Amino acid sequence: MKDYNLTIISNNQIARDVFKTEFSCQEQLPSFIGGQFLHLQVPCKILRRPLGILEMTANYCSIVYAVVGEGTRILSKMKKGDCLKAMLPLGNGFVLPKTYKKVALLGGGLGVVPLLPVINTYPEIEFCSYMGFKSRDDVILYDEFNKLSKKICFTTEDGSFGSCGFSIDALKDDLETNNFDAVLVCGSIPMLKEVKKANFKIPVYVSMEERMGCGVGACLVCTCQVKKGNNIENLRVCIDGPVFKLDEVAL
């Protein structure tokens, strides 16, 4: 795994406790697919932070993250010109068959972040996006999804932005009239359980979110249980995932 030296070019708050950081890199960055992540070294912290990649081109990448602890608080205070090291891109993203024509994206909260770059990864596929948040103050990336999606539905639990309710219910309403080839999901464990309970009759792929230590499969901190035939295996989210088939994941 290679470390890249990243220089902050902007670091701005875009929603309640949520920031978007953009980086430049003098080295040419590798290609990536939606769903992969980077492992960022934050000053004064031993363990790196795994953060989903929003966008990455030859000499540019961006991330969106929530301030949930000391590491992300430090990151949110960093300024233009500050330098950080990151291993990237890591993990297995959303790899879709060439036969897919129409796909639904289902996200909740910060889980919408790894879904947006999937649209750019597969320009030949038609995407419909269903994204849910608690309230208007938590909504992120609306303009970006609106620009790239064939159809967009943003929901909030209190009805302060978009439709009132949950994104999964909006998707359920559209499943009968749309011939989706698959659903791609990223969100909280309760949300994933609701998706599993819904028992969609098409393939569902999920990006798992777990705490990580090394990010390269050595420490076994980020294991999740996955069904393989009649057996349950402990797989590492960082290198075996983070994307899995939902019907194989033990929730």
Protein backbone atom coordinates (compact mmCIF):
# COMPACT_ATOMS: atom_id res chain seq x y z
CA MET A 1 0.00 0.00 0.00
CA LYS A 2 1.37 3.39 -0.96
CA ASP A 3 1.21 6.63 1.00
CA TYR A 4 0.41 9.79 -0.93
CA ASN A 5 1.19 13.30 0.27
CA LEU A 6 -2.00 15.36 0.10
CA THR A 7 -2.27 19.13 0.43
CA ILE A 8 -5.52 20.71 1.59
CA ILE A 9 -6.95 23.19 -0.90
CA SER A 10 -10.26 23.72 0.93
CA ASN A 11 -11.92 22.51 4.13
CA ASN A 12 -15.48 23.74 4.61
CA GLN A 13 -18.51 22.85 6.70
CA ILE A 14 -21.40 21.80 4.44
CA ALA A 15 -24.00 20.63 6.99
CA ARG A 16 -24.43 20.11 10.73
CA ASP A 17 -21.11 18.64 11.96
CA VAL A 18 -20.23 17.63 8.38
CA PHE A 19 -17.24 18.90 6.42
CA LYS A 20 -15.93 18.56 2.88
CA THR A 21 -12.16 18.57 2.41
CA GLU A 22 -10.49 18.86 -0.98
CA PHE A 23 -6.88 17.85 -1.59
CA SER A 24 -4.30 18.26 -4.31
CA CYS A 25 -1.45 15.83 -4.89
CA GLN A 26 1.75 16.38 -6.86
CA GLU A 27 1.93 12.68 -7.69
CA GLN A 28 -0.58 11.20 -10.08
CA LEU A 29 -3.25 9.41 -8.10
CA PRO A 30 -4.48 5.96 -9.16
CA SER A 31 -7.93 5.35 -10.57
CA PHE A 32 -10.74 4.34 -8.22
CA ILE A 33 -14.33 3.15 -8.30
CA GLY A 34 -17.23 4.33 -6.18
CA GLY A 35 -17.27 2.73 -2.74
CA GLN A 36 -13.52 2.72 -2.11
CA PHE A 37 -11.96 4.74 0.71
CA LEU A 38 -8.73 6.33 1.90
CA HIS A 39 -6.90 5.91 5.22
CA LEU A 40 -5.88 9.35 6.43
CA GLN A 41 -3.11 10.17 8.92
CA VAL A 42 -4.37 12.96 11.19
CA PRO A 43 -1.82 14.99 13.22
CA CYS A 44 -1.29 13.86 16.84
CA LYS A 45 -3.16 10.59 16.25
CA ILE A 46 -1.57 7.15 15.93
CA LEU A 47 -4.46 5.41 14.20
CA ARG A 48 -5.55 6.62 10.80
CA ARG A 49 -9.12 7.53 9.86
CA PRO A 50 -10.93 5.54 7.13
CA LEU A 51 -12.97 8.01 5.07
CA GLY A 52 -14.99 7.44 1.93
CA ILE A 53 -13.69 9.06 -1.25
CA LEU A 54 -16.16 11.45 -2.83
CA GLU A 55 -14.14 12.24 -5.96
CA MET A 56 -10.66 11.46 -7.26
CA THR A 57 -8.89 12.48 -10.45
CA ALA A 58 -5.23 12.52 -11.48
CA ASN A 59 -4.07 15.14 -8.96
CA TYR A 60 -7.18 15.79 -6.88
CA CYS A 61 -9.38 14.04 -4.35
CA SER A 62 -12.12 15.01 -1.93
CA ILE A 63 -13.80 13.53 1.12
CA VAL A 64 -16.91 14.30 3.17
CA TYR A 65 -16.89 13.37 6.84
CA ALA A 66 -18.71 13.98 10.11
CA VAL A 67 -17.00 15.29 13.23
CA VAL A 68 -17.57 12.42 15.64
CA GLY A 69 -14.37 12.31 17.70
CA GLU A 70 -11.03 13.96 18.38
CA GLY A 71 -9.45 12.86 15.09
CA THR A 72 -12.15 14.29 12.85
CA ARG A 73 -12.33 17.40 15.05
CA ILE A 74 -8.62 17.99 14.39
CA LEU A 75 -9.17 17.42 10.67
CA SER A 76 -12.05 19.92 10.59
CA LYS A 77 -9.75 22.64 11.99
CA MET A 78 -7.00 22.18 9.41
CA LYS A 79 -6.32 24.92 6.89
CA LYS A 80 -5.51 25.39 3.23
CA GLY A 81 -1.90 24.40 2.61
CA ASP A 82 -1.73 21.85 5.46
CA CYS A 83 -0.33 18.48 4.39
CA LEU A 84 -1.47 14.97 5.30
CA LYS A 85 -0.55 11.43 4.29
CA ALA A 86 -3.12 8.95 3.03
CA MET A 87 -3.16 5.42 1.67
CA LEU A 88 -5.60 5.25 -1.23
CA PRO A 89 -7.71 3.90 -2.74
CA LEU A 90 -8.44 1.00 -0.40
CA GLY A 91 -11.06 -1.73 -0.36
CA ASN A 92 -13.36 -3.16 -2.99
CA GLY A 93 -15.94 -0.74 -4.31
CA PHE A 94 -19.19 -1.37 -6.17
CA VAL A 95 -18.29 -3.64 -9.09
CA LEU A 96 -21.37 -3.94 -11.32
CA PRO A 97 -22.03 -6.29 -14.24
CA LYS A 98 -21.93 -4.77 -17.72
CA THR A 99 -25.48 -6.01 -18.27
CA TYR A 100 -26.94 -3.57 -15.72
CA LYS A 101 -29.00 -0.76 -17.25
CA LYS A 102 -30.85 0.80 -14.30
CA VAL A 103 -29.79 0.85 -10.64
CA ALA A 104 -31.25 2.37 -7.47
CA LEU A 105 -29.01 4.08 -4.91
CA LEU A 106 -30.26 4.05 -1.32
CA GLY A 107 -28.40 6.08 1.28
CA GLY A 108 -28.87 7.39 4.79
CA GLY A 109 -26.97 10.24 6.43
CA LEU A 110 -23.25 10.16 5.73
CA GLY A 111 -23.83 6.88 3.90
CA VAL A 112 -24.78 8.86 0.80
CA VAL A 113 -21.11 9.83 0.27
CA PRO A 114 -19.72 6.58 -1.24
CA LEU A 115 -22.79 6.25 -3.48
CA LEU A 116 -22.32 9.48 -5.43
CA PRO A 117 -19.05 8.47 -7.17
CA VAL A 118 -20.70 5.23 -8.32
CA ILE A 119 -22.67 7.31 -10.82
CA ASN A 120 -19.46 8.63 -12.39
CA THR A 121 -17.90 5.16 -12.32
CA TYR A 122 -20.68 3.79 -14.53
CA PRO A 123 -21.85 6.55 -16.91
CA GLU A 124 -23.65 3.99 -19.08
CA ILE A 125 -26.05 3.04 -16.24
CA GLU A 126 -29.17 5.01 -15.35
CA PHE A 127 -29.25 5.76 -11.61
CA CYS A 128 -32.19 6.74 -9.42
CA SER A 129 -31.14 8.14 -6.04
CA TYR A 130 -33.07 7.83 -2.76
CA MET A 131 -31.31 9.62 0.10
CA GLY A 132 -32.54 10.11 3.65
CA PHE A 133 -31.60 12.46 6.50
CA LYS A 134 -32.91 13.47 9.91
CA SER A 135 -33.58 17.11 9.01
CA ARG A 136 -32.69 19.95 6.65
CA ASP A 137 -29.57 20.76 8.69
CA ASP A 138 -28.15 17.31 7.90
CA VAL A 139 -28.74 17.25 4.13
CA ILE A 140 -25.62 16.98 1.97
CA LEU A 141 -24.81 16.61 -1.74
CA TYR A 142 -28.31 17.39 -2.99
CA ASP A 143 -27.12 19.43 -5.99
CA GLU A 144 -24.58 16.76 -6.95
CA PHE A 145 -27.12 13.92 -6.91
CA ASN A 146 -29.69 16.07 -8.67
CA LYS A 147 -27.25 16.78 -11.49
CA LEU A 148 -26.20 13.17 -12.06
CA SER A 149 -29.31 11.08 -11.29
CA LYS A 150 -32.12 10.16 -13.65
CA LYS A 151 -34.47 10.55 -10.69
CA ILE A 152 -33.82 11.91 -7.21
CA CYS A 153 -35.76 11.64 -3.96
CA PHE A 154 -34.43 13.23 -0.78
CA THR A 155 -36.33 12.60 2.45
CA THR A 156 -36.11 13.95 5.99
CA GLU A 157 -37.64 12.41 9.07
CA ASP A 158 -39.22 15.72 10.11
CA GLY A 159 -40.25 16.83 6.62
CA SER A 160 -38.06 19.96 6.73
CA PHE A 161 -36.45 19.12 3.35
CA GLY A 162 -37.82 17.04 0.50
CA SER A 163 -40.40 14.40 1.35
CA CYS A 164 -41.30 13.56 4.93
CA GLY A 165 -40.33 10.03 5.91
CA PHE A 166 -37.61 7.53 5.09
CA SER A 167 -35.70 6.94 1.87
CA ILE A 168 -36.40 3.20 1.93
CA ASP A 169 -40.14 3.85 1.80
CA ALA A 170 -39.69 6.11 -1.23
CA LEU A 171 -37.74 3.35 -2.95
CA LYS A 172 -40.39 0.75 -2.12
CA ASP A 173 -43.01 2.94 -3.78
CA ASP A 174 -40.98 3.03 -7.01
CA LEU A 175 -39.91 -0.62 -7.17
CA GLU A 176 -43.19 -1.74 -8.73
CA THR A 177 -42.91 0.70 -11.65
CA ASN A 178 -39.15 0.57 -12.28
CA ASN A 179 -37.17 -2.36 -13.60
CA PHE A 180 -34.10 -1.89 -11.43
CA ASP A 181 -31.30 -4.39 -11.93
CA ALA A 182 -29.99 -3.87 -8.39
CA VAL A 183 -30.02 -1.66 -5.31
CA LEU A 184 -26.80 -0.22 -3.84
CA VAL A 185 -27.05 0.71 -0.16
CA CYS A 186 -24.98 2.53 2.44
CA GLY A 187 -26.27 3.64 5.82
CA SER A 188 -26.65 2.74 9.48
CA ILE A 189 -27.09 -0.84 10.72
CA PRO A 190 -30.78 -0.21 11.57
CA MET A 191 -31.29 0.99 8.01
CA LEU A 192 -29.58 -2.09 6.58
CA LYS A 193 -31.78 -4.31 8.74
CA GLU A 194 -34.86 -2.59 7.32
CA VAL A 195 -33.59 -3.17 3.79
CA LYS A 196 -32.96 -6.82 4.56
CA LYS A 197 -36.43 -7.14 6.09
CA ALA A 198 -37.95 -5.64 2.91
CA ASN A 199 -36.64 -8.68 1.00
CA PHE A 200 -36.19 -7.00 -2.37
CA LYS A 201 -36.39 -9.46 -5.25
CA ILE A 202 -33.32 -8.03 -6.97
CA PRO A 203 -29.63 -8.05 -5.96
CA VAL A 204 -28.75 -5.69 -3.12
CA TYR A 205 -25.15 -4.60 -2.54
CA VAL A 206 -24.19 -2.87 0.69
CA SER A 207 -21.18 -0.80 1.71
CA MET A 208 -20.42 -1.69 5.33
CA GLU A 209 -19.18 0.88 7.83
CA GLU A 210 -16.93 -0.47 10.60
CA ARG A 211 -14.23 0.90 12.88
CA MET A 212 -10.78 0.19 11.44
CA GLY A 213 -7.27 0.01 12.78
CA CYS A 214 -4.70 -0.65 10.07
CA GLY A 215 -6.93 -0.46 6.98
CA VAL A 216 -4.96 -3.21 5.21
CA GLY A 217 -6.32 -6.39 6.80
CA ALA A 218 -3.66 -7.07 9.42
CA CYS A 219 -5.31 -6.04 12.70
CA LEU A 220 -8.73 -7.75 12.27
CA VAL A 221 -10.55 -4.88 14.00
CA CYS A 222 -13.09 -4.39 11.21
CA THR A 223 -14.40 -7.92 10.76
CA CYS A 224 -18.02 -8.63 9.90
CA GLN A 225 -19.83 -11.93 9.63
CA VAL A 226 -20.65 -13.10 6.11
CA LYS A 227 -22.47 -16.26 5.03
CA LYS A 228 -20.53 -18.51 2.67
CA GLY A 229 -22.65 -21.52 1.80
CA ASN A 230 -23.61 -23.18 5.08
CA ASN A 231 -20.80 -21.47 6.96
CA ILE A 232 -20.34 -18.09 8.63
CA GLU A 233 -16.97 -16.44 7.99
CA ASN A 234 -15.40 -13.39 9.61
CA LEU A 235 -14.29 -11.18 6.73
CA ARG A 236 -12.35 -7.94 6.92
CA VAL A 237 -14.30 -4.90 5.80
CA CYS A 238 -11.11 -3.06 4.81
CA ILE A 239 -9.87 -5.54 2.19
CA ASP A 240 -12.68 -8.09 1.65
CA GLY A 241 -15.19 -5.22 1.51
CA PRO A 242 -16.45 -2.70 2.25
CA VAL A 243 -18.98 -3.81 -0.39
CA PHE A 244 -20.80 -7.11 0.12
CA LYS A 245 -24.02 -8.72 -1.06
CA LEU A 246 -26.62 -7.87 1.56
CA ASP A 247 -28.10 -11.37 1.66
CA GLU A 248 -24.69 -12.72 2.70
CA VAL A 249 -24.12 -10.28 5.58
CA ALA A 250 -25.17 -11.37 9.07
CA LEU A 251 -26.79 -8.33 10.70
